[in-house]
Amino acid sequence: MKKLLSAAAICLLLALPEVSLAANARDYIPAPPGTFLFCAYFNHITANKLYKNGEKVSNDFNLSQNIGIFRPVYYTQIGPFTIDPQALIPYGDVSLDGAAVGGNQYSATGFADPVVLATLWFVNDPKDKLWVGFTPWITLPLGEYDRNRVLNLGANRWAVKPEVGLVKGFGEKFYVDLIVNGEFYTDNDDFGSGFLPVRLEQDPTVGFETHLSYDITKQWFVSLDYYYVYGGETKVAGIPQNDRMSNHGLGISLFWGIGSNNQLMIEYRDDFSVRSGPGTNKLALRWAYFF
């Protein structure tokens, strides 16, 4: 049971709040310099199965997360390059019960770790419908964290995710996004709920996304989304947990504009093949306002 509890805690740490760092279709198409963009997200994430090293370790694992994110973005020009300095500020609640945690109930509410980032576009060619950008994501260990709690919205560590994204348009209506990234983590030296803290280490992860989007009208478009993440095995007090990920997700997103300044998005994602971690389903809403 202790091993199972440890696996559950680590898998939760992997799921919070990194699930929000995935891109959406056409995110790598920049707005004109001088544009300010404000986004508000609501993510509802659930899971009832827990996997480790390719095996299902629990069918009684009831995870529920409600995460809101505020995201201000400013597009500007530095020399020949467009950039968009921005921040993600997440807040929410998470709850867990089931046999995987000994039949207990746990919950947490508060701020998760904020993220700062900026994309630099070294190809920005609207005429040929080609955009390529580089984005370093930096996760700051400022979220609420208490090692004596099973659930935390903060991870008590730094994370850096360098990412390259490409968008190519074909014809008048079809776009393809290709995004690759790696994520690197510092250690959490205050992990575990025993008398003395232990060190949690995590190997880097490699991620890949693709979004295939199509304009239904001038104001509406739909996207088919695929996600993959590999690696990320953890060690607790130097002991490998055999929880390397090789996880696949599939989703669909619908975007529609309202006037010239607003855009709404609804997204559904199913992590349909999970080697390690919770098998999550996500329903997300996003409101974007340009001015």
Protein backbone atom coordinates (compact mmCIF):
# COMPACT_ATOMS: atom_id res chain seq x y z
CA MET A 1 0.00 0.00 0.00
CA LYS A 2 2.82 2.44 0.76
CA LYS A 3 4.25 1.90 -2.72
CA LEU A 4 0.83 2.52 -4.23
CA LEU A 5 0.36 5.68 -2.20
CA SER A 6 3.78 6.90 -3.27
CA ALA A 7 2.96 6.23 -6.92
CA ALA A 8 -0.35 8.06 -6.59
CA ALA A 9 1.31 11.10 -5.04
CA ILE A 10 3.98 11.24 -7.72
CA CYS A 11 1.51 10.77 -10.55
CA LEU A 12 -0.54 13.63 -9.14
CA LEU A 13 2.53 15.81 -9.08
CA LEU A 14 3.10 14.98 -12.74
CA ALA A 15 -0.48 15.94 -13.58
CA LEU A 16 -0.51 19.31 -11.77
CA PRO A 17 -0.48 21.82 -13.39
CA GLU A 18 1.65 20.79 -16.39
CA VAL A 19 -1.45 19.57 -18.22
CA SER A 20 -2.21 23.25 -18.86
CA LEU A 21 1.08 23.91 -20.68
CA ALA A 22 0.03 22.33 -23.97
CA ALA A 23 -0.55 24.67 -26.89
CA ASN A 24 -3.76 25.10 -28.84
CA ALA A 25 -4.17 25.18 -32.60
CA ARG A 26 -2.65 28.27 -34.28
CA ASP A 27 -1.07 29.55 -31.05
CA TYR A 28 2.15 29.94 -33.05
CA ILE A 29 0.54 32.48 -35.41
CA PRO A 30 1.39 35.87 -33.85
CA ALA A 31 -0.88 38.88 -33.62
CA PRO A 32 0.47 42.20 -34.99
CA PRO A 33 3.02 43.99 -32.77
CA GLY A 34 1.30 46.33 -30.35
CA THR A 35 -1.60 43.91 -29.74
CA PHE A 36 -2.51 43.04 -26.15
CA LEU A 37 -4.24 39.68 -25.61
CA PHE A 38 -5.97 38.56 -22.44
CA CYS A 39 -7.00 34.91 -22.07
CA ALA A 40 -9.00 33.25 -19.33
CA TYR A 41 -9.15 29.44 -19.14
CA PHE A 42 -11.22 26.96 -17.19
CA ASN A 43 -9.99 23.35 -17.18
CA HIS A 44 -12.01 20.51 -15.68
CA ILE A 45 -9.86 17.36 -15.44
CA THR A 46 -10.92 13.95 -14.17
CA ALA A 47 -9.34 10.51 -13.86
CA ASN A 48 -10.44 7.22 -12.32
CA LYS A 49 -7.62 4.91 -13.41
CA LEU A 50 -3.97 4.95 -12.35
CA TYR A 51 -1.15 3.38 -14.34
CA LYS A 52 2.47 2.62 -13.52
CA ASN A 53 5.11 1.10 -15.78
CA GLY A 54 2.51 -0.02 -18.31
CA GLU A 55 0.21 -1.68 -15.78
CA LYS A 56 -3.07 -0.50 -14.33
CA VAL A 57 -2.53 -0.29 -10.58
CA SER A 58 -5.97 0.97 -9.60
CA ASN A 59 -9.51 1.23 -10.97
CA ASP A 60 -10.58 3.09 -7.84
CA PHE A 61 -8.74 6.38 -8.21
CA ASN A 62 -11.09 9.35 -8.29
CA LEU A 63 -9.27 12.52 -9.22
CA SER A 64 -11.01 15.80 -10.00
CA GLN A 65 -9.35 19.13 -10.81
CA ASN A 66 -10.82 22.54 -11.59
CA ILE A 67 -8.12 24.93 -12.73
CA GLY A 68 -8.60 28.52 -13.83
CA ILE A 69 -5.77 30.36 -15.61
CA PHE A 70 -5.32 34.06 -16.33
CA ARG A 71 -2.95 34.75 -19.23
CA PRO A 72 -1.94 38.28 -20.28
CA VAL A 73 0.08 38.44 -23.54
CA TYR A 74 1.69 41.41 -25.27
CA TYR A 75 2.99 41.24 -28.85
CA THR A 76 5.89 43.51 -29.67
CA GLN A 77 8.82 43.86 -32.05
CA ILE A 78 12.53 43.66 -31.21
CA GLY A 79 14.61 44.28 -34.30
CA PRO A 80 13.37 41.90 -37.02
CA PHE A 81 11.64 39.57 -34.54
CA THR A 82 8.12 39.48 -33.13
CA ILE A 83 7.97 38.36 -29.49
CA ASP A 84 5.12 37.95 -26.98
CA PRO A 85 6.13 38.16 -23.29
CA GLN A 86 3.39 36.65 -21.15
CA ALA A 87 2.49 34.87 -17.93
CA LEU A 88 0.12 32.10 -16.84
CA ILE A 89 -1.38 32.50 -13.37
CA PRO A 90 -3.27 29.34 -12.31
CA TYR A 91 -5.69 28.96 -9.43
CA GLY A 92 -7.99 26.07 -8.59
CA ASP A 93 -8.93 23.06 -6.54
CA VAL A 94 -8.19 19.36 -6.64
CA SER A 95 -9.75 16.40 -4.85
CA LEU A 96 -8.93 12.71 -4.64
CA ASP A 97 -10.44 9.63 -3.05
CA GLY A 98 -10.64 5.89 -3.66
CA ALA A 99 -8.86 2.67 -2.78
CA ALA A 100 -5.62 3.93 -4.37
CA VAL A 101 -5.25 6.31 -1.40
CA GLY A 102 -6.51 3.92 1.26
CA GLY A 103 -10.15 4.95 0.96
CA ASN A 104 -9.32 8.42 2.28
CA GLN A 105 -10.46 11.75 0.86
CA TYR A 106 -8.04 14.57 0.14
CA SER A 107 -8.43 18.05 -1.31
CA ALA A 108 -6.49 21.25 -1.86
CA THR A 109 -7.36 24.76 -3.02
CA GLY A 110 -5.17 27.68 -3.94
CA PHE A 111 -2.63 29.01 -6.40
CA ALA A 112 -0.59 26.66 -8.55
CA ASP A 113 2.89 27.45 -9.85
CA PRO A 114 2.86 30.42 -12.26
CA VAL A 115 4.63 30.25 -15.61
CA VAL A 116 6.45 32.97 -17.54
CA LEU A 117 7.33 32.63 -21.21
CA ALA A 118 7.83 34.45 -24.49
CA THR A 119 7.82 33.19 -28.06
CA LEU A 120 10.38 34.57 -30.48
CA TRP A 121 9.33 34.14 -34.11
CA PHE A 122 12.31 33.69 -36.41
CA VAL A 123 9.97 32.94 -39.33
CA ASN A 124 6.88 35.14 -39.59
CA ASP A 125 5.63 34.95 -43.17
CA PRO A 126 1.86 35.50 -43.47
CA LYS A 127 2.12 35.69 -47.27
CA ASP A 128 3.33 32.08 -47.52
CA LYS A 129 1.41 31.07 -44.38
CA LEU A 130 4.50 29.88 -42.53
CA TRP A 131 5.41 30.67 -38.93
CA VAL A 132 8.17 29.18 -36.76
CA GLY A 133 8.86 30.24 -33.19
CA PHE A 134 10.92 29.30 -30.15
CA THR A 135 9.39 29.44 -26.65
CA PRO A 136 11.10 28.88 -23.29
CA TRP A 137 8.50 28.13 -20.60
CA ILE A 138 9.72 28.71 -17.02
CA THR A 139 7.61 27.35 -14.16
CA LEU A 140 8.23 29.19 -10.88
CA PRO A 141 7.92 27.34 -7.54
CA LEU A 142 5.50 29.88 -6.05
CA GLY A 143 2.34 27.78 -5.79
CA GLU A 144 0.93 26.55 -2.51
CA TYR A 145 2.89 23.54 -1.21
CA ASP A 146 2.98 21.59 2.06
CA ARG A 147 4.85 18.28 2.08
CA ASN A 148 2.55 16.95 4.79
CA ARG A 149 -0.39 17.12 2.38
CA VAL A 150 -1.11 14.36 -0.13
CA LEU A 151 -2.37 16.94 -2.62
CA ASN A 152 -0.61 20.14 -3.56
CA LEU A 153 -1.23 22.67 -6.30
CA GLY A 154 2.43 23.71 -6.21
CA ALA A 155 5.29 21.36 -7.08
CA ASN A 156 8.05 23.04 -5.00
CA ARG A 157 10.56 22.96 -7.87
CA TRP A 158 11.57 24.85 -10.99
CA ALA A 159 10.82 23.57 -14.47
CA VAL A 160 12.10 24.81 -17.83
CA LYS A 161 10.52 23.73 -21.11
CA PRO A 162 12.19 24.88 -24.36
CA GLU A 163 9.79 24.46 -27.27
CA VAL A 164 9.78 24.96 -31.04
CA GLY A 165 6.48 25.41 -32.88
CA LEU A 166 5.73 25.51 -36.60
CA VAL A 167 2.46 26.42 -38.32
CA LYS A 168 1.94 25.99 -42.05
CA GLY A 169 -1.19 26.93 -43.97
CA PHE A 170 -2.34 25.03 -47.04
CA GLY A 171 -4.83 26.64 -49.37
CA GLU A 172 -7.37 28.98 -47.87
CA LYS A 173 -8.65 26.96 -44.91
CA PHE A 174 -6.30 24.21 -43.69
CA TYR A 175 -3.43 24.61 -41.18
CA VAL A 176 -0.96 22.17 -39.63
CA ASP A 177 0.81 22.80 -36.31
CA LEU A 178 3.89 20.79 -35.31
CA ILE A 179 5.32 21.40 -31.83
CA VAL A 180 8.24 19.66 -30.08
CA ASN A 181 9.56 20.35 -26.60
CA GLY A 182 11.63 19.05 -23.72
CA GLU A 183 11.06 19.77 -20.05
CA PHE A 184 13.70 19.78 -17.33
CA TYR A 185 13.08 19.79 -13.57
CA THR A 186 15.02 20.74 -10.48
CA ASP A 187 14.73 18.50 -7.42
CA ASN A 188 12.08 18.85 -4.75
CA ASP A 189 14.08 18.48 -1.52
CA ASP A 190 10.99 18.75 0.68
CA PHE A 191 8.95 15.77 -0.54
CA GLY A 192 7.11 13.14 1.51
CA SER A 193 5.03 13.24 4.64
CA GLY A 194 7.39 11.41 7.01
CA PHE A 195 9.32 12.86 9.94
CA LEU A 196 12.14 13.96 7.64
CA PRO A 197 11.70 15.21 4.07
CA VAL A 198 13.16 13.24 1.18
CA ARG A 199 14.32 14.27 -2.27
CA LEU A 200 12.11 13.85 -5.31
CA GLU A 201 14.00 13.80 -8.62
CA GLN A 202 12.53 13.59 -12.10
CA ASP A 203 14.14 12.84 -15.44
CA PRO A 204 13.45 15.23 -18.34
CA THR A 205 10.46 14.65 -20.58
CA VAL A 206 10.13 15.00 -24.35
CA GLY A 207 6.81 16.11 -25.83
CA PHE A 208 5.24 16.33 -29.26
CA GLU A 209 1.97 17.93 -30.38
CA THR A 210 0.23 18.28 -33.68
CA HIS A 211 -2.95 20.22 -34.49
CA LEU A 212 -4.82 19.86 -37.77
CA SER A 213 -7.25 22.77 -38.11
CA TYR A 214 -9.79 23.75 -40.75
CA ASP A 215 -11.83 26.92 -41.24
CA ILE A 216 -15.55 26.17 -41.25
CA THR A 217 -16.36 29.86 -41.86
CA LYS A 218 -14.35 33.07 -41.49
CA GLN A 219 -15.25 33.09 -37.77
CA TRP A 220 -15.25 29.35 -36.94
CA PHE A 221 -12.57 26.71 -37.14
CA VAL A 222 -12.16 23.20 -35.76
CA SER A 223 -8.98 21.34 -34.78
CA LEU A 224 -8.03 17.70 -34.28
CA ASP A 225 -5.29 17.53 -31.64
CA TYR A 226 -2.69 14.87 -30.75
CA TYR A 227 -0.28 14.90 -27.78
CA TYR A 228 2.59 12.65 -26.75
CA VAL A 229 4.95 12.78 -23.75
CA TYR A 230 7.87 10.46 -23.02
CA GLY A 231 10.24 10.08 -20.05
CA GLY A 232 9.93 11.74 -16.66
CA GLU A 233 10.83 8.77 -14.45
CA THR A 234 11.05 9.83 -10.81
CA LYS A 235 13.24 8.86 -7.88
CA VAL A 236 12.21 9.19 -4.24
CA ALA A 237 15.14 9.22 -1.79
CA GLY A 238 17.28 7.88 -4.63
CA ILE A 239 14.98 4.91 -5.33
CA PRO A 240 13.69 4.70 -8.93
CA GLN A 241 9.88 4.52 -9.09
CA ASN A 242 9.66 2.78 -12.50
CA ASP A 243 7.13 5.35 -13.69
CA ARG A 244 8.57 6.45 -17.03
CA MET A 245 5.82 7.92 -19.19
CA SER A 246 4.95 7.08 -22.78
CA ASN A 247 1.51 8.67 -22.87
CA HIS A 248 -0.73 9.55 -25.80
CA GLY A 249 -3.66 12.00 -25.87
CA LEU A 250 -6.23 12.83 -28.53
CA GLY A 251 -8.53 15.84 -28.55
CA ILE A 252 -10.85 18.03 -30.54
CA SER A 253 -11.19 21.82 -30.27
CA LEU A 254 -13.72 24.29 -31.63
CA PHE A 255 -12.94 28.00 -31.97
CA TRP A 256 -15.32 30.78 -32.89
CA GLY A 257 -14.88 34.53 -33.13
CA ILE A 258 -17.36 37.05 -31.79
CA GLY A 259 -16.90 40.38 -33.51
CA SER A 260 -13.32 41.47 -34.14
CA ASN A 261 -12.01 41.31 -30.55
CA ASN A 262 -13.29 38.12 -28.93
CA GLN A 263 -12.69 34.43 -29.47
CA LEU A 264 -14.14 31.46 -27.58
CA MET A 265 -12.75 27.93 -27.51
CA ILE A 266 -14.05 24.62 -26.21
CA GLU A 267 -11.72 21.62 -26.06
CA TYR A 268 -12.03 17.97 -25.10
CA ARG A 269 -8.98 15.76 -24.58
CA ASP A 270 -8.71 12.07 -23.70
CA ASP A 271 -5.36 10.60 -22.64
CA PHE A 272 -6.29 7.31 -24.23
CA SER A 273 -2.98 5.43 -23.81
CA VAL A 274 -1.09 5.93 -20.54
CA ARG A 275 2.05 4.07 -19.51
CA SER A 276 2.43 5.88 -16.17
CA GLY A 277 0.18 8.37 -14.45
CA PRO A 278 -3.55 8.99 -14.19
CA GLY A 279 -5.65 8.38 -17.30
CA THR A 280 -7.15 11.85 -17.54
CA ASN A 281 -9.99 13.43 -19.47
CA LYS A 282 -10.06 17.20 -19.87
CA LEU A 283 -12.80 19.64 -20.78
CA ALA A 284 -11.44 23.15 -21.32
CA LEU A 285 -12.97 26.53 -22.08
CA ARG A 286 -11.04 29.62 -23.17
CA TRP A 287 -12.04 33.24 -23.72
CA ALA A 288 -9.56 35.44 -25.59
CA TYR A 289 -9.88 39.22 -25.93
CA PHE A 290 -7.66 41.22 -28.32
CA PHE A 291 -7.12 44.96 -27.99
